[in-house]
């Protein structure tokens, strides 16, 4: 999930996980899926911590 109000569209997420994130204008949106390790790398690279990673099965927030 991307917090649209916190996203600055720097593009690191799209570069690290292009199957998942798409930067359009001044925000990033989720457009697909990827392995958990790739999602966590992209989320950690976000300069504003706008990306939240949640386990779909348990609902547990994994990042941040």
PDB file of N, CA and C in Angstrom:
ATOM      1  N   UNK A   1       0.844  -1.165   0.000  1.00  0.00           N
ATOM      2  CA  UNK A   1       0.000   0.000   0.000  1.00  0.00           C
ATOM      3  C   UNK A   1       0.896   1.238   0.000  1.00  0.00           C
ATOM      4  N   UNK A   2       0.515   2.246  -0.765  1.00  0.00           N
ATOM      5  CA  UNK A   2       1.260   3.499  -0.825  1.00  0.00           C
ATOM      6  C   UNK A   2       0.395   4.609  -0.246  1.00  0.00           C
ATOM      7  N   UNK A   3       0.945   5.314   0.739  1.00  0.00           N
ATOM      8  CA  UNK A   3       0.272   6.483   1.302  1.00  0.00           C
ATOM      9  C   UNK A   3       0.457   7.630   0.312  1.00  0.00           C
ATOM     10  N   UNK A   4      -0.576   7.923  -0.443  1.00  0.00           N
ATOM     11  CA  UNK A   4      -0.496   8.925  -1.505  1.00  0.00           C
ATOM     12  C   UNK A   4      -0.110  10.305  -0.969  1.00  0.00           C
ATOM     13  N   UNK A   5      -0.499  10.624   0.260  1.00  0.00           N
ATOM     14  CA  UNK A   5      -0.190  11.936   0.817  1.00  0.00           C
ATOM     15  C   UNK A   5       1.273  12.058   1.228  1.00  0.00           C
ATOM     16  N   UNK A   6       1.943  10.925   1.449  1.00  0.00           N
ATOM     17  CA  UNK A   6       3.348  10.942   1.835  1.00  0.00           C
ATOM     18  C   UNK A   6       4.289  10.724   0.653  1.00  0.00           C
ATOM     19  N   UNK A   7       3.777  10.163  -0.439  1.00  0.00           N
ATOM     20  CA  UNK A   7       4.604   9.834  -1.602  1.00  0.00           C
ATOM     21  C   UNK A   7       5.102  11.105  -2.298  1.00  0.00           C
ATOM     22  N   UNK A   8       6.404  11.101  -2.620  1.00  0.00           N
ATOM     23  CA  UNK A   8       6.996  12.228  -3.357  1.00  0.00           C
ATOM     24  C   UNK A   8       7.419  11.805  -4.761  1.00  0.00           C
ATOM     25  N   UNK A   9       7.064  10.612  -5.172  1.00  0.00           N
ATOM     26  CA  UNK A   9       7.315  10.097  -6.518  1.00  0.00           C
ATOM     27  C   UNK A   9       8.787  10.127  -6.912  1.00  0.00           C
ATOM     28  N   UNK A  10       9.660   9.803  -5.975  1.00  0.00           N
ATOM     29  CA  UNK A  10      11.084   9.753  -6.279  1.00  0.00           C
ATOM     30  C   UNK A  10      11.395   8.635  -7.264  1.00  0.00           C
ATOM     31  N   UNK A  11      10.653   7.532  -7.207  1.00  0.00           N
ATOM     32  CA  UNK A  11      10.794   6.465  -8.182  1.00  0.00           C
ATOM     33  C   UNK A  11      11.649   5.288  -7.781  1.00  0.00           C
ATOM     34  N   UNK A  12      12.215   5.313  -6.573  1.00  0.00           N
ATOM     35  CA  UNK A  12      13.020   4.166  -6.139  1.00  0.00           C
ATOM     36  C   UNK A  12      12.200   2.883  -6.115  1.00  0.00           C
ATOM     37  N   UNK A  13      10.962   2.968  -5.672  1.00  0.00           N
ATOM     38  CA  UNK A  13      10.119   1.776  -5.596  1.00  0.00           C
ATOM     39  C   UNK A  13       9.901   1.175  -6.987  1.00  0.00           C
ATOM     40  N   UNK A  14       9.644   2.026  -7.960  1.00  0.00           N
ATOM     41  CA  UNK A  14       9.428   1.546  -9.325  1.00  0.00           C
ATOM     42  C   UNK A  14      10.702   0.937  -9.908  1.00  0.00           C
ATOM     43  N   UNK A  15      11.827   1.518  -9.586  1.00  0.00           N
ATOM     44  CA  UNK A  15      13.103   1.001 -10.080  1.00  0.00           C
ATOM     45  C   UNK A  15      13.422  -0.360  -9.472  1.00  0.00           C
ATOM     46  N   UNK A  16      13.123  -0.530  -8.190  1.00  0.00           N
ATOM     47  CA  UNK A  16      13.449  -1.769  -7.488  1.00  0.00           C
ATOM     48  C   UNK A  16      12.390  -2.860  -7.662  1.00  0.00           C
ATOM     49  N   UNK A  17      11.159  -2.467  -7.918  1.00  0.00           N
ATOM     50  CA  UNK A  17      10.074  -3.441  -8.090  1.00  0.00           C
ATOM     51  C   UNK A  17       9.137  -2.957  -9.207  1.00  0.00           C
ATOM     52  N   UNK A  18       9.616  -2.992 -10.449  1.00  0.00           N
ATOM     53  CA  UNK A  18       8.826  -2.441 -11.564  1.00  0.00           C
ATOM     54  C   UNK A  18       7.533  -3.191 -11.863  1.00  0.00           C
ATOM     55  N   UNK A  19       7.423  -4.430 -11.415  1.00  0.00           N
ATOM     56  CA  UNK A  19       6.191  -5.182 -11.618  1.00  0.00           C
ATOM     57  C   UNK A  19       5.116  -4.799 -10.602  1.00  0.00           C
ATOM     58  N   UNK A  20       5.525  -4.056  -9.575  1.00  0.00           N
ATOM     59  CA  UNK A  20       4.622  -3.720  -8.487  1.00  0.00           C
ATOM     60  C   UNK A  20       4.216  -2.253  -8.486  1.00  0.00           C
ATOM     61  N   UNK A  21       5.190  -1.362  -8.685  1.00  0.00           N
ATOM     62  CA  UNK A  21       4.940   0.065  -8.540  1.00  0.00           C
ATOM     63  C   UNK A  21       5.048   0.797  -9.870  1.00  0.00           C
ATOM     64  N   UNK A  22       4.175   1.789 -10.030  1.00  0.00           N
ATOM     65  CA  UNK A  22       4.192   2.643 -11.205  1.00  0.00           C
ATOM     66  C   UNK A  22       4.084   4.088 -10.736  1.00  0.00           C
ATOM     67  N   UNK A  23       5.082   4.900 -11.087  1.00  0.00           N
ATOM     68  CA  UNK A  23       5.056   6.310 -10.736  1.00  0.00           C
ATOM     69  C   UNK A  23       4.411   7.070 -11.888  1.00  0.00           C
ATOM     70  N   UNK A  24       3.344   7.761 -11.554  1.00  0.00           N
ATOM     71  CA  UNK A  24       2.633   8.580 -12.534  1.00  0.00           C
ATOM     72  C   UNK A  24       2.400   9.945 -11.906  1.00  0.00           C
ATOM     73  N   UNK A  25       2.845  10.972 -12.589  1.00  0.00           N
ATOM     74  CA  UNK A  25       2.695  12.314 -12.030  1.00  0.00           C
ATOM     75  C   UNK A  25       3.514  12.440 -10.769  1.00  0.00           C
ATOM     76  N   UNK A  26       2.857  12.763  -9.672  1.00  0.00           N
ATOM     77  CA  UNK A  26       3.601  12.956  -8.427  1.00  0.00           C
ATOM     78  C   UNK A  26       3.271  11.913  -7.358  1.00  0.00           C
ATOM     79  N   UNK A  27       2.809  10.730  -7.787  1.00  0.00           N
ATOM     80  CA  UNK A  27       2.540   9.641  -6.844  1.00  0.00           C
ATOM     81  C   UNK A  27       2.884   8.290  -7.456  1.00  0.00           C
ATOM     82  N   UNK A  28       3.091   7.333  -6.573  1.00  0.00           N
ATOM     83  CA  UNK A  28       3.321   5.956  -6.979  1.00  0.00           C
ATOM     84  C   UNK A  28       2.062   5.158  -6.652  1.00  0.00           C
ATOM     85  N   UNK A  29       1.738   4.195  -7.506  1.00  0.00           N
ATOM     86  CA  UNK A  29       0.596   3.330  -7.246  1.00  0.00           C
ATOM     87  C   UNK A  29       1.030   1.874  -7.357  1.00  0.00           C
ATOM     88  N   UNK A  30       0.306   1.004  -6.682  1.00  0.00           N
ATOM     89  CA  UNK A  30       0.550  -0.435  -6.735  1.00  0.00           C
ATOM     90  C   UNK A  30      -0.202  -0.988  -7.937  1.00  0.00           C
ATOM     91  N   UNK A  31       0.535  -1.681  -8.814  1.00  0.00           N
ATOM     92  CA  UNK A  31      -0.069  -2.219 -10.030  1.00  0.00           C
ATOM     93  C   UNK A  31       0.112  -3.727 -10.169  1.00  0.00           C
ATOM     94  N   UNK A  32       0.813  -4.345  -9.221  1.00  0.00           N
ATOM     95  CA  UNK A  32       1.063  -5.776  -9.336  1.00  0.00           C
ATOM     96  C   UNK A  32       1.578  -6.371  -8.045  1.00  0.00           C
ATOM     97  N   UNK A  33       2.207  -7.538  -8.167  1.00  0.00           N
ATOM     98  CA  UNK A  33       2.724  -8.258  -7.010  1.00  0.00           C
ATOM     99  C   UNK A  33       4.164  -8.673  -7.251  1.00  0.00           C
ATOM    100  N   UNK A  34       4.856  -8.979  -6.158  1.00  0.00           N
ATOM    101  CA  UNK A  34       6.245  -9.440  -6.219  1.00  0.00           C
ATOM    102  C   UNK A  34       6.536 -10.243  -4.958  1.00  0.00           C
ATOM    103  N   UNK A  35       7.651 -10.954  -4.945  1.00  0.00           N
ATOM    104  CA  UNK A  35       8.042 -11.677  -3.732  1.00  0.00           C
ATOM    105  C   UNK A  35       8.246 -10.703  -2.566  1.00  0.00           C
ATOM    106  N   UNK A  36       8.010 -11.194  -1.367  1.00  0.00           N
ATOM    107  CA  UNK A  36       8.100 -10.374  -0.163  1.00  0.00           C
ATOM    108  C   UNK A  36       9.442  -9.673  -0.036  1.00  0.00           C
ATOM    109  N   UNK A  37      10.540 -10.374  -0.308  1.00  0.00           N
ATOM    110  CA  UNK A  37      11.851  -9.748  -0.147  1.00  0.00           C
ATOM    111  C   UNK A  37      12.011  -8.547  -1.077  1.00  0.00           C
ATOM    112  N   UNK A  38      11.482  -8.629  -2.271  1.00  0.00           N
ATOM    113  CA  UNK A  38      11.561  -7.511  -3.212  1.00  0.00           C
ATOM    114  C   UNK A  38      10.689  -6.341  -2.736  1.00  0.00           C
ATOM    115  N   UNK A  39       9.527  -6.631  -2.194  1.00  0.00           N
ATOM    116  CA  UNK A  39       8.655  -5.586  -1.661  1.00  0.00           C
ATOM    117  C   UNK A  39       9.309  -4.859  -0.494  1.00  0.00           C
ATOM    118  N   UNK A  40       9.945  -5.614   0.384  1.00  0.00           N
ATOM    119  CA  UNK A  40      10.599  -5.003   1.537  1.00  0.00           C
ATOM    120  C   UNK A  40      11.773  -4.123   1.119  1.00  0.00           C
ATOM    121  N   UNK A  41      12.530  -4.547   0.129  1.00  0.00           N
ATOM    122  CA  UNK A  41      13.639  -3.731  -0.376  1.00  0.00           C
ATOM    123  C   UNK A  41      13.107  -2.413  -0.930  1.00  0.00           C
ATOM    124  N   UNK A  42      12.038  -2.481  -1.709  1.00  0.00           N
ATOM    125  CA  UNK A  42      11.448  -1.271  -2.283  1.00  0.00           C
ATOM    126  C   UNK A  42      10.885  -0.366  -1.191  1.00  0.00           C
ATOM    127  N   UNK A  43      10.214  -0.949  -0.216  1.00  0.00           N
ATOM    128  CA  UNK A  43       9.635  -0.159   0.872  1.00  0.00           C
ATOM    129  C   UNK A  43      10.715   0.540   1.682  1.00  0.00           C
ATOM    130  N   UNK A  44      11.796  -0.151   1.959  1.00  0.00           N
ATOM    131  CA  UNK A  44      12.892   0.438   2.738  1.00  0.00           C
ATOM    132  C   UNK A  44      13.608   1.548   1.973  1.00  0.00           C
ATOM    133  N   UNK A  45      13.537   1.501   0.657  1.00  0.00           N
ATOM    134  CA  UNK A  45      14.195   2.521  -0.162  1.00  0.00           C
ATOM    135  C   UNK A  45      13.385   3.813  -0.259  1.00  0.00           C
ATOM    136  N   UNK A  46      12.129   3.771   0.145  1.00  0.00           N
ATOM    137  CA  UNK A  46      11.264   4.952   0.050  1.00  0.00           C
ATOM    138  C   UNK A  46      11.740   6.014   1.032  1.00  0.00           C
ATOM    139  N   UNK A  47      12.080   7.213   0.544  1.00  0.00           N
ATOM    140  CA  UNK A  47      12.616   8.250   1.425  1.00  0.00           C
ATOM    141  C   UNK A  47      11.596   8.814   2.416  1.00  0.00           C
ATOM    142  N   UNK A  48      10.317   8.619   2.151  1.00  0.00           N
ATOM    143  CA  UNK A  48       9.295   9.159   3.051  1.00  0.00           C
ATOM    144  C   UNK A  48       8.521   8.072   3.795  1.00  0.00           C
ATOM    145  N   UNK A  49       8.949   6.821   3.662  1.00  0.00           N
ATOM    146  CA  UNK A  49       8.275   5.677   4.279  1.00  0.00           C
ATOM    147  C   UNK A  49       6.786   5.653   3.930  1.00  0.00           C
ATOM    148  N   UNK A  50       6.481   5.946   2.670  1.00  0.00           N
ATOM    149  CA  UNK A  50       5.092   5.976   2.207  1.00  0.00           C
ATOM    150  C   UNK A  50       4.551   4.587   1.896  1.00  0.00           C
ATOM    151  N   UNK A  51       5.423   3.585   1.859  1.00  0.00           N
ATOM    152  CA  UNK A  51       5.009   2.228   1.501  1.00  0.00           C
ATOM    153  C   UNK A  51       4.836   1.381   2.757  1.00  0.00           C
ATOM    154  N   UNK A  52       3.677   0.769   2.880  1.00  0.00           N
ATOM    155  CA  UNK A  52       3.400  -0.161   3.966  1.00  0.00           C
ATOM    156  C   UNK A  52       3.268  -1.552   3.358  1.00  0.00           C
ATOM    157  N   UNK A  53       3.949  -2.516   3.962  1.00  0.00           N
ATOM    158  CA  UNK A  53       3.870  -3.901   3.504  1.00  0.00           C
ATOM    159  C   UNK A  53       3.100  -4.688   4.560  1.00  0.00           C
ATOM    160  N   UNK A  54       2.022  -5.355   4.116  1.00  0.00           N
ATOM    161  CA  UNK A  54       1.157  -6.117   5.009  1.00  0.00           C
ATOM    162  C   UNK A  54       1.049  -7.536   4.491  1.00  0.00           C
ATOM    163  N   UNK A  55       1.174  -8.507   5.392  1.00  0.00           N
ATOM    164  CA  UNK A  55       0.998  -9.907   5.036  1.00  0.00           C
ATOM    165  C   UNK A  55      -0.473 -10.132   4.693  1.00  0.00           C
ATOM    166  N   UNK A  56      -0.756 -10.612   3.486  1.00  0.00           N
ATOM    167  CA  UNK A  56      -2.139 -10.783   3.041  1.00  0.00           C
ATOM    168  C   UNK A  56      -2.899 -11.827   3.853  1.00  0.00           C
ATOM    169  N   UNK A  57      -2.215 -12.868   4.295  1.00  0.00           N
ATOM    170  CA  UNK A  57      -2.884 -13.944   5.022  1.00  0.00           C
ATOM    171  C   UNK A  57      -3.210 -13.562   6.460  1.00  0.00           C
ATOM    172  N   UNK A  58      -2.221 -13.006   7.163  1.00  0.00           N
ATOM    173  CA  UNK A  58      -2.416 -12.718   8.585  1.00  0.00           C
ATOM    174  C   UNK A  58      -2.890 -11.297   8.852  1.00  0.00           C
ATOM    175  N   UNK A  59      -2.667 -10.395   7.899  1.00  0.00           N
ATOM    176  CA  UNK A  59      -3.000  -8.990   8.107  1.00  0.00           C
ATOM    177  C   UNK A  59      -1.952  -8.260   8.922  1.00  0.00           C
ATOM    178  N   UNK A  60      -0.864  -8.961   9.266  1.00  0.00           N
ATOM    179  CA  UNK A  60       0.213  -8.358  10.062  1.00  0.00           C
ATOM    180  C   UNK A  60       0.992  -7.355   9.221  1.00  0.00           C
ATOM    181  N   UNK A  61       1.248  -6.192   9.808  1.00  0.00           N
ATOM    182  CA  UNK A  61       2.056  -5.186   9.139  1.00  0.00           C
ATOM    183  C   UNK A  61       3.516  -5.579   9.266  1.00  0.00           C
ATOM    184  N   UNK A  62       4.190  -5.721   8.127  1.00  0.00           N
ATOM    185  CA  UNK A  62       5.579  -6.170   8.105  1.00  0.00           C
ATOM    186  C   UNK A  62       6.559  -5.005   7.964  1.00  0.00           C
ATOM    187  N   UNK A  63       6.109  -3.907   7.395  1.00  0.00           N
ATOM    188  CA  UNK A  63       6.949  -2.718   7.250  1.00  0.00           C
ATOM    189  C   UNK A  63       6.052  -1.511   7.075  1.00  0.00           C
ATOM    190  N   UNK A  64       6.338  -0.381   7.631  1.00  0.00           N
ATOM    191  CA  UNK A  64       7.360  -0.130   8.653  1.00  0.00           C
ATOM    192  C   UNK A  64       6.918  -0.622   9.997  1.00  0.00           C
TER     193      UNK A  64
END
